[in-house]
Amino acid sequence: MFGTVNANRVDYENGVASLGRFMECWPQEVQALFTRRLSIDDFETALIGS
């Protein structure tokens, strides 16, 4: 998942834990949130879009 986080560590960790719980309850819906996967080396593609 690519993005920025404007939160302290505890809030970030709670978000990750929540995502895990969502995956347990609604795996297909959570997977639908991810539109594409890129390696870290393709960060420019992710930012610029192509």
C-alpha atoms as a PDB file:
ATOM      1  CA  MET A   1       0.000   0.000   0.000  1.00  0.00           C
ATOM      2  CA  PHE A   2       1.431   3.353  -0.997  1.00  0.00           C
ATOM      3  CA  GLY A   3       0.497   6.495   0.804  1.00  0.00           C
ATOM      4  CA  THR A   4       1.472   8.892   3.474  1.00  0.00           C
ATOM      5  CA  VAL A   5       0.604   8.694   7.116  1.00  0.00           C
ATOM      6  CA  ASN A   6       0.124  11.728   9.296  1.00  0.00           C
ATOM      7  CA  ALA A   7      -0.161   9.866  12.584  1.00  0.00           C
ATOM      8  CA  ASN A   8       1.956   8.732  15.469  1.00  0.00           C
ATOM      9  CA  ARG A   9       3.249   5.167  15.646  1.00  0.00           C
ATOM     10  CA  VAL A  10       0.442   3.867  17.874  1.00  0.00           C
ATOM     11  CA  ASP A  11      -2.244   5.214  15.527  1.00  0.00           C
ATOM     12  CA  TYR A  12      -0.418   3.747  12.511  1.00  0.00           C
ATOM     13  CA  GLU A  13      -0.165   0.342  14.207  1.00  0.00           C
ATOM     14  CA  ASN A  14      -3.859   0.489  15.126  1.00  0.00           C
ATOM     15  CA  GLY A  15      -4.680   1.213  11.480  1.00  0.00           C
ATOM     16  CA  VAL A  16      -2.671  -1.793  10.339  1.00  0.00           C
ATOM     17  CA  ALA A  17      -4.432  -3.972  12.918  1.00  0.00           C
ATOM     18  CA  SER A  18      -7.822  -2.681  11.731  1.00  0.00           C
ATOM     19  CA  LEU A  19      -6.921  -3.477   8.140  1.00  0.00           C
ATOM     20  CA  GLY A  20      -6.124  -7.031   9.237  1.00  0.00           C
ATOM     21  CA  ARG A  21      -9.521  -7.351  10.926  1.00  0.00           C
ATOM     22  CA  PHE A  22     -11.247  -5.973   7.827  1.00  0.00           C
ATOM     23  CA  MET A  23      -9.385  -8.568   5.730  1.00  0.00           C
ATOM     24  CA  GLU A  24     -10.769 -11.310   7.978  1.00  0.00           C
ATOM     25  CA  CYS A  25     -14.360 -10.059   7.616  1.00  0.00           C
ATOM     26  CA  TRP A  26     -14.404  -8.694   4.063  1.00  0.00           C
ATOM     27  CA  PRO A  27     -11.370 -10.014   2.137  1.00  0.00           C
ATOM     28  CA  GLN A  28     -12.770  -9.443  -1.358  1.00  0.00           C
ATOM     29  CA  GLU A  29     -13.870  -5.908  -0.595  1.00  0.00           C
ATOM     30  CA  VAL A  30     -10.494  -4.986   0.882  1.00  0.00           C
ATOM     31  CA  GLN A  31      -8.657  -6.501  -2.099  1.00  0.00           C
ATOM     32  CA  ALA A  32     -10.838  -4.384  -4.399  1.00  0.00           C
ATOM     33  CA  LEU A  33      -9.294  -1.275  -2.799  1.00  0.00           C
ATOM     34  CA  PHE A  34      -5.919  -2.177  -4.328  1.00  0.00           C
ATOM     35  CA  THR A  35      -6.071  -1.171  -7.971  1.00  0.00           C
ATOM     36  CA  ARG A  36      -2.528  -2.146  -8.944  1.00  0.00           C
ATOM     37  CA  ARG A  37       0.712  -3.411  -7.457  1.00  0.00           C
ATOM     38  CA  LEU A  38       4.104  -1.914  -8.172  1.00  0.00           C
ATOM     39  CA  SER A  39       7.550  -2.568  -6.773  1.00  0.00           C
ATOM     40  CA  ILE A  40       9.250   0.148  -4.762  1.00  0.00           C
ATOM     41  CA  ASP A  41      11.533   0.704  -7.765  1.00  0.00           C
ATOM     42  CA  ASP A  42       8.488   1.867  -9.736  1.00  0.00           C
ATOM     43  CA  PHE A  43       7.670   4.722  -7.373  1.00  0.00           C
ATOM     44  CA  GLU A  44       7.758   7.267 -10.201  1.00  0.00           C
ATOM     45  CA  THR A  45       5.094   5.320 -12.064  1.00  0.00           C
ATOM     46  CA  ALA A  46       2.964   5.305  -8.941  1.00  0.00           C
ATOM     47  CA  LEU A  47       3.324   9.070  -8.459  1.00  0.00           C
ATOM     48  CA  ILE A  48       3.139  10.219 -12.049  1.00  0.00           C
ATOM     49  CA  GLY A  49       0.846   7.517 -13.349  1.00  0.00           C
ATOM     50  CA  SER A  50       1.401   5.690 -16.582  1.00  0.00           C
END
